[in-house]
């Protein structure tokens, strides 16, 4: 459904606007009565000469401003809200990038891995300096190659250190990204590392209780996941996405390479790869994020440029009653000031 330009949290207060036409009619009636009284005691020619056209409109301007001020204050009382563009509150972005062997394919020139690296580095350069960036690589397993940092040089160096490996564990990339964002949440990484989880020791802190939050409601972080294939190992990507959704973290997914599937060979090995768009769309949908497809290096650059803009600013429904209240107060002060300036009193 298309967003309405403005909604009201307390729409019942709008009934007060009905009183405005009554106030205007009362003002008109009082002016006519005042005019009749003036004409009863003064010569008509003298009154016209004394008033003049310029004084007439000056007399009516302060009350008109006051009526507009009352309308603005009534609108403020109804607590209006509108979808406006605001600076994003995100403090940490995790880049989770597929480094499986299929990223050697040259259908995205010069090859998928090189194109992904260059686009990611350009994306990093566009983000505000206040945003921390972490880098996670995943293939058969996942690893944090750069913890959250403000240093763009460290992030670029981490991206340049990518090493291609076998397997594609998309779910592992998501889970490890969440553990990077919430290091004290006690997220179990045993399924990712392959090591059995150790029982808690006597000095270990108890694992905090977890309470799910609405999907997409965590404003301080986001995950950008890029892959060119489909899961071959590791946890189910949709179950990992459910973990992200329960924590309110959006996972933006980027698919590169072929949708139809093809056989790719290198160093004596051959493999059949196909981009699993359904899963990537499902991940994005579960976490209230978006899926992007990049069939070329240029497409990939545009995707990251769009993500950069989206993560710097966001459209959000925000209460704007303070703006209407400020406008009403300003108009009241202006009306009173003009009245004192022109007539020496508040009329």
C-alpha atoms as a PDB file:
ATOM      1  CA  UNK A   1       0.000   0.000   0.000  1.00  0.00           C
ATOM      2  CA  UNK A   2       1.307   3.417  -0.881  1.00  0.00           C
ATOM      3  CA  UNK A   3       2.484   5.490   2.057  1.00  0.00           C
ATOM      4  CA  UNK A   4       0.120   8.297   3.019  1.00  0.00           C
ATOM      5  CA  UNK A   5       1.734  11.769   3.082  1.00  0.00           C
ATOM      6  CA  UNK A   6       0.670  12.268   6.706  1.00  0.00           C
ATOM      7  CA  UNK A   7      -1.093  10.318   9.415  1.00  0.00           C
ATOM      8  CA  UNK A   8      -2.252  11.306  12.900  1.00  0.00           C
ATOM      9  CA  UNK A   9      -1.690   9.410  16.137  1.00  0.00           C
ATOM     10  CA  UNK A  10      -4.542  11.246  17.905  1.00  0.00           C
ATOM     11  CA  UNK A  11      -6.906  12.090  15.001  1.00  0.00           C
ATOM     12  CA  UNK A  12      -9.733  12.872  17.449  1.00  0.00           C
ATOM     13  CA  UNK A  13      -8.061  16.219  18.158  1.00  0.00           C
ATOM     14  CA  UNK A  14      -8.773  17.284  14.569  1.00  0.00           C
ATOM     15  CA  UNK A  15     -12.407  17.839  15.538  1.00  0.00           C
ATOM     16  CA  UNK A  16     -11.199  21.068  17.138  1.00  0.00           C
ATOM     17  CA  UNK A  17     -10.652  22.489  13.647  1.00  0.00           C
ATOM     18  CA  UNK A  18     -14.427  22.789  13.342  1.00  0.00           C
ATOM     19  CA  UNK A  19     -14.253  25.737  15.745  1.00  0.00           C
ATOM     20  CA  UNK A  20     -12.051  27.753  13.375  1.00  0.00           C
ATOM     21  CA  UNK A  21     -14.810  28.762  10.906  1.00  0.00           C
ATOM     22  CA  UNK A  22     -16.945  29.759  13.908  1.00  0.00           C
ATOM     23  CA  UNK A  23     -14.140  31.968  15.210  1.00  0.00           C
ATOM     24  CA  UNK A  24     -13.764  33.574  11.768  1.00  0.00           C
ATOM     25  CA  UNK A  25     -17.529  34.278  11.602  1.00  0.00           C
ATOM     26  CA  UNK A  26     -17.398  35.720  15.123  1.00  0.00           C
ATOM     27  CA  UNK A  27     -14.503  37.984  14.097  1.00  0.00           C
ATOM     28  CA  UNK A  28     -16.379  39.197  10.985  1.00  0.00           C
ATOM     29  CA  UNK A  29     -19.490  39.886  13.058  1.00  0.00           C
ATOM     30  CA  UNK A  30     -17.505  41.844  15.648  1.00  0.00           C
ATOM     31  CA  UNK A  31     -15.845  43.915  12.916  1.00  0.00           C
ATOM     32  CA  UNK A  32     -19.179  44.813  11.325  1.00  0.00           C
ATOM     33  CA  UNK A  33     -20.637  45.720  14.698  1.00  0.00           C
ATOM     34  CA  UNK A  34     -17.604  47.857  15.456  1.00  0.00           C
ATOM     35  CA  UNK A  35     -17.933  49.587  12.103  1.00  0.00           C
ATOM     36  CA  UNK A  36     -21.591  50.394  12.697  1.00  0.00           C
ATOM     37  CA  UNK A  37     -20.780  51.821  16.103  1.00  0.00           C
ATOM     38  CA  UNK A  38     -18.019  53.964  14.648  1.00  0.00           C
ATOM     39  CA  UNK A  39     -20.245  55.284  11.854  1.00  0.00           C
ATOM     40  CA  UNK A  40     -22.933  56.210  14.372  1.00  0.00           C
ATOM     41  CA  UNK A  41     -20.659  58.717  16.042  1.00  0.00           C
ATOM     42  CA  UNK A  42     -18.437  59.955  13.210  1.00  0.00           C
ATOM     43  CA  UNK A  43     -18.740  61.444   9.783  1.00  0.00           C
ATOM     44  CA  UNK A  44     -18.272  58.757   7.073  1.00  0.00           C
ATOM     45  CA  UNK A  45     -15.781  60.819   5.086  1.00  0.00           C
ATOM     46  CA  UNK A  46     -13.656  61.444   8.139  1.00  0.00           C
ATOM     47  CA  UNK A  47     -13.641  57.722   9.027  1.00  0.00           C
ATOM     48  CA  UNK A  48     -12.533  56.698   5.527  1.00  0.00           C
ATOM     49  CA  UNK A  49      -9.840  59.321   5.530  1.00  0.00           C
ATOM     50  CA  UNK A  50      -8.612  58.277   8.973  1.00  0.00           C
ATOM     51  CA  UNK A  51      -8.570  54.562   8.284  1.00  0.00           C
ATOM     52  CA  UNK A  52      -7.263  54.385   4.709  1.00  0.00           C
ATOM     53  CA  UNK A  53      -6.743  51.109   2.813  1.00  0.00           C
ATOM     54  CA  UNK A  54      -3.316  50.386   4.273  1.00  0.00           C
ATOM     55  CA  UNK A  55      -4.556  50.584   7.869  1.00  0.00           C
ATOM     56  CA  UNK A  56      -7.544  48.345   7.042  1.00  0.00           C
ATOM     57  CA  UNK A  57      -5.485  45.340   5.946  1.00  0.00           C
ATOM     58  CA  UNK A  58      -3.067  45.887   8.821  1.00  0.00           C
ATOM     59  CA  UNK A  59      -5.934  45.590  11.269  1.00  0.00           C
ATOM     60  CA  UNK A  60      -6.945  42.185   9.859  1.00  0.00           C
ATOM     61  CA  UNK A  61      -3.468  40.625   9.441  1.00  0.00           C
ATOM     62  CA  UNK A  62      -2.694  39.866  13.140  1.00  0.00           C
ATOM     63  CA  UNK A  63      -6.054  38.080  13.689  1.00  0.00           C
ATOM     64  CA  UNK A  64      -5.534  36.116  10.460  1.00  0.00           C
ATOM     65  CA  UNK A  65      -2.104  35.003  11.670  1.00  0.00           C
ATOM     66  CA  UNK A  66      -3.661  34.050  15.004  1.00  0.00           C
ATOM     67  CA  UNK A  67      -6.271  31.866  13.276  1.00  0.00           C
ATOM     68  CA  UNK A  68      -3.530  30.058  11.310  1.00  0.00           C
ATOM     69  CA  UNK A  69      -1.588  29.618  14.555  1.00  0.00           C
ATOM     70  CA  UNK A  70      -4.609  28.015  16.229  1.00  0.00           C
ATOM     71  CA  UNK A  71      -4.945  25.624  13.281  1.00  0.00           C
ATOM     72  CA  UNK A  72      -1.259  24.684  13.511  1.00  0.00           C
ATOM     73  CA  UNK A  73      -1.515  24.064  17.266  1.00  0.00           C
ATOM     74  CA  UNK A  74      -4.595  21.868  16.808  1.00  0.00           C
ATOM     75  CA  UNK A  75      -2.733  19.848  14.178  1.00  0.00           C
ATOM     76  CA  UNK A  76       0.177  19.503  16.597  1.00  0.00           C
ATOM     77  CA  UNK A  77      -2.222  18.241  19.281  1.00  0.00           C
ATOM     78  CA  UNK A  78      -3.345  15.514  16.851  1.00  0.00           C
ATOM     79  CA  UNK A  79       0.304  14.307  16.734  1.00  0.00           C
ATOM     80  CA  UNK A  80       0.946  14.164  12.982  1.00  0.00           C
ATOM     81  CA  UNK A  81       3.459  11.644  11.583  1.00  0.00           C
ATOM     82  CA  UNK A  82       4.993  11.497   8.124  1.00  0.00           C
ATOM     83  CA  UNK A  83       7.488   9.331   6.260  1.00  0.00           C
ATOM     84  CA  UNK A  84      10.591  11.493   5.961  1.00  0.00           C
ATOM     85  CA  UNK A  85      14.227  10.909   5.050  1.00  0.00           C
ATOM     86  CA  UNK A  86      16.557  10.960   8.046  1.00  0.00           C
ATOM     87  CA  UNK A  87      20.223  10.181   8.644  1.00  0.00           C
ATOM     88  CA  UNK A  88      20.660   6.474   9.359  1.00  0.00           C
ATOM     89  CA  UNK A  89      21.442   5.396  12.913  1.00  0.00           C
ATOM     90  CA  UNK A  90      23.473   2.379  11.798  1.00  0.00           C
ATOM     91  CA  UNK A  91      26.805   2.163  13.558  1.00  0.00           C
ATOM     92  CA  UNK A  92      28.143  -1.177  12.269  1.00  0.00           C
ATOM     93  CA  UNK A  93      27.995  -2.846   8.846  1.00  0.00           C
ATOM     94  CA  UNK A  94      29.158  -6.437   8.361  1.00  0.00           C
ATOM     95  CA  UNK A  95      30.279  -7.416   4.868  1.00  0.00           C
ATOM     96  CA  UNK A  96      29.808 -11.198   4.537  1.00  0.00           C
ATOM     97  CA  UNK A  97      31.372 -12.257   1.228  1.00  0.00           C
ATOM     98  CA  UNK A  98      31.461 -15.666  -0.471  1.00  0.00           C
ATOM     99  CA  UNK A  99      35.024 -16.850  -1.192  1.00  0.00           C
ATOM    100  CA  UNK A 100      34.127 -20.250  -2.631  1.00  0.00           C
ATOM    101  CA  UNK A 101      36.055 -21.535  -5.661  1.00  0.00           C
ATOM    102  CA  UNK A 102      33.264 -20.602  -8.039  1.00  0.00           C
ATOM    103  CA  UNK A 103      34.144 -16.935  -7.447  1.00  0.00           C
ATOM    104  CA  UNK A 104      36.979 -17.501  -9.946  1.00  0.00           C
ATOM    105  CA  UNK A 105      34.440 -17.584 -12.793  1.00  0.00           C
ATOM    106  CA  UNK A 106      34.950 -14.893 -15.418  1.00  0.00           C
ATOM    107  CA  UNK A 107      31.315 -14.348 -16.423  1.00  0.00           C
ATOM    108  CA  UNK A 108      31.542 -11.184 -14.315  1.00  0.00           C
ATOM    109  CA  UNK A 109      34.664  -9.479 -15.667  1.00  0.00           C
ATOM    110  CA  UNK A 110      37.496  -9.687 -14.912  1.00  0.00           C
ATOM    111  CA  UNK A 111      36.218 -12.416 -12.568  1.00  0.00           C
ATOM    112  CA  UNK A 112      33.610 -12.613  -9.831  1.00  0.00           C
ATOM    113  CA  UNK A 113      36.075 -12.332  -6.954  1.00  0.00           C
ATOM    114  CA  UNK A 114      37.913  -9.322  -8.344  1.00  0.00           C
ATOM    115  CA  UNK A 115      34.652  -7.561  -9.202  1.00  0.00           C
ATOM    116  CA  UNK A 116      33.307  -8.273  -5.711  1.00  0.00           C
ATOM    117  CA  UNK A 117      36.479  -6.920  -4.086  1.00  0.00           C
ATOM    118  CA  UNK A 118      36.491  -3.701  -6.103  1.00  0.00           C
ATOM    119  CA  UNK A 119      32.787  -3.057  -5.526  1.00  0.00           C
ATOM    120  CA  UNK A 120      33.125  -3.743  -1.796  1.00  0.00           C
ATOM    121  CA  UNK A 121      36.083  -1.363  -1.459  1.00  0.00           C
ATOM    122  CA  UNK A 122      34.209   1.370  -3.321  1.00  0.00           C
ATOM    123  CA  UNK A 123      31.250   0.775  -1.004  1.00  0.00           C
ATOM    124  CA  UNK A 124      33.468   1.105   2.066  1.00  0.00           C
ATOM    125  CA  UNK A 125      34.813   4.426   0.787  1.00  0.00           C
ATOM    126  CA  UNK A 126      31.266   5.823   0.472  1.00  0.00           C
ATOM    127  CA  UNK A 127      30.168   5.074   4.034  1.00  0.00           C
ATOM    128  CA  UNK A 128      30.359   7.802   6.709  1.00  0.00           C
ATOM    129  CA  UNK A 129      33.536   7.706   8.765  1.00  0.00           C
ATOM    130  CA  UNK A 130      31.482   7.128  11.909  1.00  0.00           C
ATOM    131  CA  UNK A 131      30.279   3.704  10.707  1.00  0.00           C
ATOM    132  CA  UNK A 132      32.269   0.710  11.872  1.00  0.00           C
ATOM    133  CA  UNK A 133      32.802  -2.048   9.304  1.00  0.00           C
ATOM    134  CA  UNK A 134      33.492  -5.748   9.856  1.00  0.00           C
ATOM    135  CA  UNK A 135      34.390  -8.315   7.185  1.00  0.00           C
ATOM    136  CA  UNK A 136      33.392 -11.990   7.261  1.00  0.00           C
ATOM    137  CA  UNK A 137      34.422 -14.448   4.552  1.00  0.00           C
ATOM    138  CA  UNK A 138      32.688 -17.767   4.060  1.00  0.00           C
ATOM    139  CA  UNK A 139      33.139 -20.851   1.917  1.00  0.00           C
ATOM    140  CA  UNK A 140      32.996 -24.317   3.529  1.00  0.00           C
ATOM    141  CA  UNK A 141      33.454 -22.508   6.854  1.00  0.00           C
ATOM    142  CA  UNK A 142      33.248 -18.881   7.913  1.00  0.00           C
ATOM    143  CA  UNK A 143      35.862 -16.622   9.464  1.00  0.00           C
ATOM    144  CA  UNK A 144      36.069 -13.035  10.695  1.00  0.00           C
ATOM    145  CA  UNK A 145      38.879 -11.456   8.691  1.00  0.00           C
ATOM    146  CA  UNK A 146      38.293  -8.005  10.166  1.00  0.00           C
ATOM    147  CA  UNK A 147      36.585  -7.183  13.452  1.00  0.00           C
ATOM    148  CA  UNK A 148      34.401  -4.041  13.517  1.00  0.00           C
ATOM    149  CA  UNK A 149      36.654  -1.041  12.985  1.00  0.00           C
ATOM    150  CA  UNK A 150      36.603   2.585  11.892  1.00  0.00           C
ATOM    151  CA  UNK A 151      39.845   2.126   9.945  1.00  0.00           C
ATOM    152  CA  UNK A 152      39.066   1.979   6.224  1.00  0.00           C
ATOM    153  CA  UNK A 153      42.646   0.893   5.485  1.00  0.00           C
ATOM    154  CA  UNK A 154      42.243  -2.177   7.695  1.00  0.00           C
ATOM    155  CA  UNK A 155      38.968  -3.079   5.989  1.00  0.00           C
ATOM    156  CA  UNK A 156      40.474  -2.737   2.499  1.00  0.00           C
ATOM    157  CA  UNK A 157      43.482  -4.838   3.561  1.00  0.00           C
ATOM    158  CA  UNK A 158      41.145  -7.546   4.877  1.00  0.00           C
ATOM    159  CA  UNK A 159      39.230  -7.616   1.581  1.00  0.00           C
ATOM    160  CA  UNK A 160      42.487  -7.927  -0.344  1.00  0.00           C
ATOM    161  CA  UNK A 161      43.462 -10.954   1.796  1.00  0.00           C
ATOM    162  CA  UNK A 162      40.528 -13.110   0.631  1.00  0.00           C
ATOM    163  CA  UNK A 163      41.579 -16.685  -0.138  1.00  0.00           C
ATOM    164  CA  UNK A 164      39.334 -18.897  -2.275  1.00  0.00           C
ATOM    165  CA  UNK A 165      38.236 -22.169  -0.653  1.00  0.00           C
ATOM    166  CA  UNK A 166      35.869 -25.070  -1.316  1.00  0.00           C
ATOM    167  CA  UNK A 167      32.230 -25.217  -0.274  1.00  0.00           C
ATOM    168  CA  UNK A 168      29.513 -22.637   0.272  1.00  0.00           C
ATOM    169  CA  UNK A 169      28.144 -22.204   3.786  1.00  0.00           C
ATOM    170  CA  UNK A 170      25.818 -19.217   3.454  1.00  0.00           C
ATOM    171  CA  UNK A 171      24.206 -19.898   6.826  1.00  0.00           C
ATOM    172  CA  UNK A 172      27.610 -19.911   8.513  1.00  0.00           C
ATOM    173  CA  UNK A 173      28.341 -16.471   7.083  1.00  0.00           C
ATOM    174  CA  UNK A 174      25.119 -15.085   8.563  1.00  0.00           C
ATOM    175  CA  UNK A 175      25.538 -16.706  11.994  1.00  0.00           C
ATOM    176  CA  UNK A 176      29.151 -15.560  12.326  1.00  0.00           C
ATOM    177  CA  UNK A 177      28.144 -12.048  11.268  1.00  0.00           C
ATOM    178  CA  UNK A 178      25.548 -12.027  14.054  1.00  0.00           C
ATOM    179  CA  UNK A 179      28.135 -13.257  16.566  1.00  0.00           C
ATOM    180  CA  UNK A 180      30.388 -10.410  15.414  1.00  0.00           C
ATOM    181  CA  UNK A 181      27.634  -7.869  16.025  1.00  0.00           C
ATOM    182  CA  UNK A 182      26.607  -9.392  19.372  1.00  0.00           C
ATOM    183  CA  UNK A 183      29.788 -10.864  20.885  1.00  0.00           C
ATOM    184  CA  UNK A 184      28.233 -11.179  24.346  1.00  0.00           C
ATOM    185  CA  UNK A 185      24.988 -12.809  23.213  1.00  0.00           C
ATOM    186  CA  UNK A 186      26.308 -16.364  23.582  1.00  0.00           C
ATOM    187  CA  UNK A 187      25.569 -17.382  19.981  1.00  0.00           C
ATOM    188  CA  UNK A 188      26.618 -21.016  19.514  1.00  0.00           C
ATOM    189  CA  UNK A 189      29.311 -21.234  16.822  1.00  0.00           C
ATOM    190  CA  UNK A 190      29.970 -24.980  17.209  1.00  0.00           C
ATOM    191  CA  UNK A 191      28.170 -25.777  13.957  1.00  0.00           C
ATOM    192  CA  UNK A 192      30.407 -23.291  12.131  1.00  0.00           C
ATOM    193  CA  UNK A 193      33.792 -24.053  13.631  1.00  0.00           C
ATOM    194  CA  UNK A 194      33.239 -27.791  13.752  1.00  0.00           C
ATOM    195  CA  UNK A 195      34.304 -27.858  17.405  1.00  0.00           C
ATOM    196  CA  UNK A 196      32.077 -29.189  20.125  1.00  0.00           C
ATOM    197  CA  UNK A 197      30.775 -26.464  22.405  1.00  0.00           C
ATOM    198  CA  UNK A 198      32.480 -26.465  25.782  1.00  0.00           C
ATOM    199  CA  UNK A 199      30.265 -26.677  28.876  1.00  0.00           C
ATOM    200  CA  UNK A 200      30.210 -23.448  30.891  1.00  0.00           C
ATOM    201  CA  UNK A 201      32.883 -23.178  33.560  1.00  0.00           C
ATOM    202  CA  UNK A 202      32.372 -21.996  37.136  1.00  0.00           C
ATOM    203  CA  UNK A 203      33.740 -18.533  36.324  1.00  0.00           C
ATOM    204  CA  UNK A 204      31.862 -18.099  33.051  1.00  0.00           C
ATOM    205  CA  UNK A 205      29.105 -15.546  32.884  1.00  0.00           C
ATOM    206  CA  UNK A 206      25.637 -17.037  32.457  1.00  0.00           C
ATOM    207  CA  UNK A 207      24.289 -16.787  28.941  1.00  0.00           C
ATOM    208  CA  UNK A 208      21.874 -13.837  28.773  1.00  0.00           C
ATOM    209  CA  UNK A 209      18.236 -14.616  28.173  1.00  0.00           C
ATOM    210  CA  UNK A 210      17.192 -13.880  24.618  1.00  0.00           C
ATOM    211  CA  UNK A 211      13.929 -12.139  23.785  1.00  0.00           C
ATOM    212  CA  UNK A 212      13.056 -11.857  20.065  1.00  0.00           C
ATOM    213  CA  UNK A 213      12.325  -8.415  18.649  1.00  0.00           C
ATOM    214  CA  UNK A 214      10.376  -7.460  15.503  1.00  0.00           C
ATOM    215  CA  UNK A 215      12.286  -8.144  12.241  1.00  0.00           C
ATOM    216  CA  UNK A 216      14.177  -5.131  10.937  1.00  0.00           C
ATOM    217  CA  UNK A 217      13.775  -3.189  14.186  1.00  0.00           C
ATOM    218  CA  UNK A 218      17.464  -3.040  15.172  1.00  0.00           C
ATOM    219  CA  UNK A 219      18.717   0.275  13.762  1.00  0.00           C
ATOM    220  CA  UNK A 220      22.362   0.088  14.792  1.00  0.00           C
ATOM    221  CA  UNK A 221      23.663  -2.581  12.415  1.00  0.00           C
ATOM    222  CA  UNK A 222      23.098  -4.389   9.136  1.00  0.00           C
ATOM    223  CA  UNK A 223      24.619  -7.317   7.251  1.00  0.00           C
ATOM    224  CA  UNK A 224      25.393  -7.303   3.526  1.00  0.00           C
ATOM    225  CA  UNK A 225      25.796 -10.828   2.209  1.00  0.00           C
ATOM    226  CA  UNK A 226      27.230 -11.521  -1.247  1.00  0.00           C
ATOM    227  CA  UNK A 227      27.316 -14.965  -2.829  1.00  0.00           C
ATOM    228  CA  UNK A 228      27.369 -16.569  -6.285  1.00  0.00           C
ATOM    229  CA  UNK A 229      26.138 -20.053  -5.446  1.00  0.00           C
ATOM    230  CA  UNK A 230      23.943 -22.176  -3.253  1.00  0.00           C
ATOM    231  CA  UNK A 231      24.513 -23.796   0.108  1.00  0.00           C
ATOM    232  CA  UNK A 232      26.587 -26.987   0.080  1.00  0.00           C
ATOM    233  CA  UNK A 233      27.365 -27.212   3.794  1.00  0.00           C
ATOM    234  CA  UNK A 234      26.777 -25.523   7.121  1.00  0.00           C
ATOM    235  CA  UNK A 235      23.513 -24.466   8.782  1.00  0.00           C
ATOM    236  CA  UNK A 236      20.355 -23.777   6.819  1.00  0.00           C
ATOM    237  CA  UNK A 237      20.573 -20.163   5.511  1.00  0.00           C
ATOM    238  CA  UNK A 238      16.889 -19.525   6.231  1.00  0.00           C
ATOM    239  CA  UNK A 239      17.279 -20.714   9.824  1.00  0.00           C
ATOM    240  CA  UNK A 240      20.281 -18.388  10.152  1.00  0.00           C
ATOM    241  CA  UNK A 241      18.155 -15.599   8.660  1.00  0.00           C
ATOM    242  CA  UNK A 242      15.501 -16.329  11.287  1.00  0.00           C
ATOM    243  CA  UNK A 243      18.181 -15.760  13.955  1.00  0.00           C
ATOM    244  CA  UNK A 244      18.947 -12.383  12.368  1.00  0.00           C
ATOM    245  CA  UNK A 245      15.247 -11.513  12.111  1.00  0.00           C
ATOM    246  CA  UNK A 246      14.703 -12.347  15.811  1.00  0.00           C
ATOM    247  CA  UNK A 247      17.473  -9.877  16.636  1.00  0.00           C
ATOM    248  CA  UNK A 248      16.018  -7.192  14.375  1.00  0.00           C
ATOM    249  CA  UNK A 249      19.063  -7.203  12.044  1.00  0.00           C
ATOM    250  CA  UNK A 250      18.459  -6.688   8.335  1.00  0.00           C
ATOM    251  CA  UNK A 251      20.421  -8.931   5.953  1.00  0.00           C
ATOM    252  CA  UNK A 252      20.724  -7.385   2.491  1.00  0.00           C
ATOM    253  CA  UNK A 253      21.586 -10.099  -0.028  1.00  0.00           C
ATOM    254  CA  UNK A 254      23.493  -9.654  -3.291  1.00  0.00           C
ATOM    255  CA  UNK A 255      23.599 -12.414  -5.901  1.00  0.00           C
ATOM    256  CA  UNK A 256      26.290 -12.471  -8.610  1.00  0.00           C
ATOM    257  CA  UNK A 257      26.922 -14.835 -11.493  1.00  0.00           C
ATOM    258  CA  UNK A 258      24.641 -17.079 -13.468  1.00  0.00           C
ATOM    259  CA  UNK A 259      21.018 -17.747 -12.569  1.00  0.00           C
ATOM    260  CA  UNK A 260      20.670 -20.724 -14.901  1.00  0.00           C
ATOM    261  CA  UNK A 261      23.689 -22.666 -13.642  1.00  0.00           C
ATOM    262  CA  UNK A 262      26.838 -23.732 -15.420  1.00  0.00           C
ATOM    263  CA  UNK A 263      29.904 -25.911 -15.017  1.00  0.00           C
ATOM    264  CA  UNK A 264      33.024 -24.034 -13.984  1.00  0.00           C
ATOM    265  CA  UNK A 265      36.487 -25.583 -14.141  1.00  0.00           C
ATOM    266  CA  UNK A 266      39.815 -24.495 -12.682  1.00  0.00           C
ATOM    267  CA  UNK A 267      43.073 -26.207 -11.662  1.00  0.00           C
ATOM    268  CA  UNK A 268      41.845 -29.586 -12.876  1.00  0.00           C
ATOM    269  CA  UNK A 269      38.566 -29.356 -10.953  1.00  0.00           C
ATOM    270  CA  UNK A 270      35.084 -28.795 -12.315  1.00  0.00           C
ATOM    271  CA  UNK A 271      31.903 -27.933 -10.468  1.00  0.00           C
ATOM    272  CA  UNK A 272      28.296 -27.171 -11.270  1.00  0.00           C
ATOM    273  CA  UNK A 273      27.209 -23.828  -9.781  1.00  0.00           C
ATOM    274  CA  UNK A 274      23.891 -22.034  -9.796  1.00  0.00           C
ATOM    275  CA  UNK A 275      22.792 -18.918  -7.983  1.00  0.00           C
ATOM    276  CA  UNK A 276      20.105 -19.806  -5.442  1.00  0.00           C
ATOM    277  CA  UNK A 277      17.981 -16.681  -5.810  1.00  0.00           C
ATOM    278  CA  UNK A 278      15.015 -18.138  -3.934  1.00  0.00           C
ATOM    279  CA  UNK A 279      17.078 -18.563  -0.780  1.00  0.00           C
ATOM    280  CA  UNK A 280      18.638 -15.098  -1.055  1.00  0.00           C
ATOM    281  CA  UNK A 281      15.219 -13.540  -1.549  1.00  0.00           C
ATOM    282  CA  UNK A 282      13.931 -15.517   1.431  1.00  0.00           C
ATOM    283  CA  UNK A 283      16.783 -14.274   3.643  1.00  0.00           C
ATOM    284  CA  UNK A 284      16.106 -10.673   2.682  1.00  0.00           C
ATOM    285  CA  UNK A 285      12.359 -11.063   3.134  1.00  0.00           C
ATOM    286  CA  UNK A 286      12.647 -12.660   6.584  1.00  0.00           C
ATOM    287  CA  UNK A 287      14.868  -9.842   7.827  1.00  0.00           C
ATOM    288  CA  UNK A 288      12.879  -7.005   6.175  1.00  0.00           C
ATOM    289  CA  UNK A 289      15.763  -6.183   3.825  1.00  0.00           C
ATOM    290  CA  UNK A 290      16.176  -6.386   0.030  1.00  0.00           C
ATOM    291  CA  UNK A 291      17.701  -8.737  -2.523  1.00  0.00           C
ATOM    292  CA  UNK A 292      19.812  -7.461  -5.437  1.00  0.00           C
ATOM    293  CA  UNK A 293      21.032  -9.307  -8.505  1.00  0.00           C
ATOM    294  CA  UNK A 294      24.263  -8.266 -10.224  1.00  0.00           C
ATOM    295  CA  UNK A 295      24.960  -9.965 -13.531  1.00  0.00           C
ATOM    296  CA  UNK A 296      27.948  -7.776 -14.432  1.00  0.00           C
ATOM    297  CA  UNK A 297      30.704  -5.886 -12.659  1.00  0.00           C
ATOM    298  CA  UNK A 298      28.919  -2.628 -13.461  1.00  0.00           C
ATOM    299  CA  UNK A 299      25.698  -3.985 -11.966  1.00  0.00           C
ATOM    300  CA  UNK A 300      27.602  -4.933  -8.834  1.00  0.00           C
ATOM    301  CA  UNK A 301      28.986  -1.407  -8.488  1.00  0.00           C
ATOM    302  CA  UNK A 302      25.494   0.065  -8.858  1.00  0.00           C
ATOM    303  CA  UNK A 303      24.138  -2.332  -6.230  1.00  0.00           C
ATOM    304  CA  UNK A 304      26.747  -1.257  -3.714  1.00  0.00           C
ATOM    305  CA  UNK A 305      26.195   2.409  -4.560  1.00  0.00           C
ATOM    306  CA  UNK A 306      22.497   1.971  -3.901  1.00  0.00           C
ATOM    307  CA  UNK A 307      23.195   0.163  -0.645  1.00  0.00           C
ATOM    308  CA  UNK A 308      25.565   2.932   0.417  1.00  0.00           C
ATOM    309  CA  UNK A 309      22.859   5.540  -0.089  1.00  0.00           C
ATOM    310  CA  UNK A 310      20.275   3.384   1.647  1.00  0.00           C
ATOM    311  CA  UNK A 311      22.449   2.827   4.695  1.00  0.00           C
ATOM    312  CA  UNK A 312      23.456   6.504   5.007  1.00  0.00           C
ATOM    313  CA  UNK A 313      19.872   7.771   4.974  1.00  0.00           C
ATOM    314  CA  UNK A 314      16.605   6.001   5.566  1.00  0.00           C
ATOM    315  CA  UNK A 315      12.923   6.759   5.142  1.00  0.00           C
ATOM    316  CA  UNK A 316      11.150   6.474   8.435  1.00  0.00           C
ATOM    317  CA  UNK A 317       7.727   7.380   9.800  1.00  0.00           C
ATOM    318  CA  UNK A 318       8.422  10.117  12.321  1.00  0.00           C
ATOM    319  CA  UNK A 319       6.163  12.216  14.516  1.00  0.00           C
ATOM    320  CA  UNK A 320       6.378  15.861  13.410  1.00  0.00           C
ATOM    321  CA  UNK A 321       4.029  17.481  15.932  1.00  0.00           C
ATOM    322  CA  UNK A 322       6.915  19.613  17.222  1.00  0.00           C
ATOM    323  CA  UNK A 323       7.152  21.319  13.825  1.00  0.00           C
ATOM    324  CA  UNK A 324       3.482  22.315  13.892  1.00  0.00           C
ATOM    325  CA  UNK A 325       3.743  23.432  17.526  1.00  0.00           C
ATOM    326  CA  UNK A 326       6.769  25.575  16.697  1.00  0.00           C
ATOM    327  CA  UNK A 327       4.954  27.087  13.694  1.00  0.00           C
ATOM    328  CA  UNK A 328       1.912  27.889  15.834  1.00  0.00           C
ATOM    329  CA  UNK A 329       4.016  29.545  18.533  1.00  0.00           C
ATOM    330  CA  UNK A 330       5.942  31.559  15.923  1.00  0.00           C
ATOM    331  CA  UNK A 331       2.727  32.822  14.340  1.00  0.00           C
ATOM    332  CA  UNK A 332       1.299  33.840  17.732  1.00  0.00           C
ATOM    333  CA  UNK A 333       4.441  35.843  18.520  1.00  0.00           C
ATOM    334  CA  UNK A 334       4.411  37.400  15.035  1.00  0.00           C
ATOM    335  CA  UNK A 335       0.738  38.378  15.318  1.00  0.00           C
ATOM    336  CA  UNK A 336       1.270  39.976  18.722  1.00  0.00           C
ATOM    337  CA  UNK A 337       4.417  41.802  17.581  1.00  0.00           C
ATOM    338  CA  UNK A 338       2.744  43.289  14.495  1.00  0.00           C
ATOM    339  CA  UNK A 339      -0.251  44.381  16.547  1.00  0.00           C
ATOM    340  CA  UNK A 340       1.939  46.179  19.108  1.00  0.00           C
ATOM    341  CA  UNK A 341       4.110  47.706  16.362  1.00  0.00           C
ATOM    342  CA  UNK A 342       1.224  49.065  14.297  1.00  0.00           C
ATOM    343  CA  UNK A 343      -1.407  49.873  16.952  1.00  0.00           C
ATOM    344  CA  UNK A 344       0.522  50.092  20.232  1.00  0.00           C
ATOM    345  CA  UNK A 345      -1.449  47.221  21.796  1.00  0.00           C
ATOM    346  CA  UNK A 346      -2.472  43.614  21.173  1.00  0.00           C
ATOM    347  CA  UNK A 347      -5.751  43.819  19.284  1.00  0.00           C
END
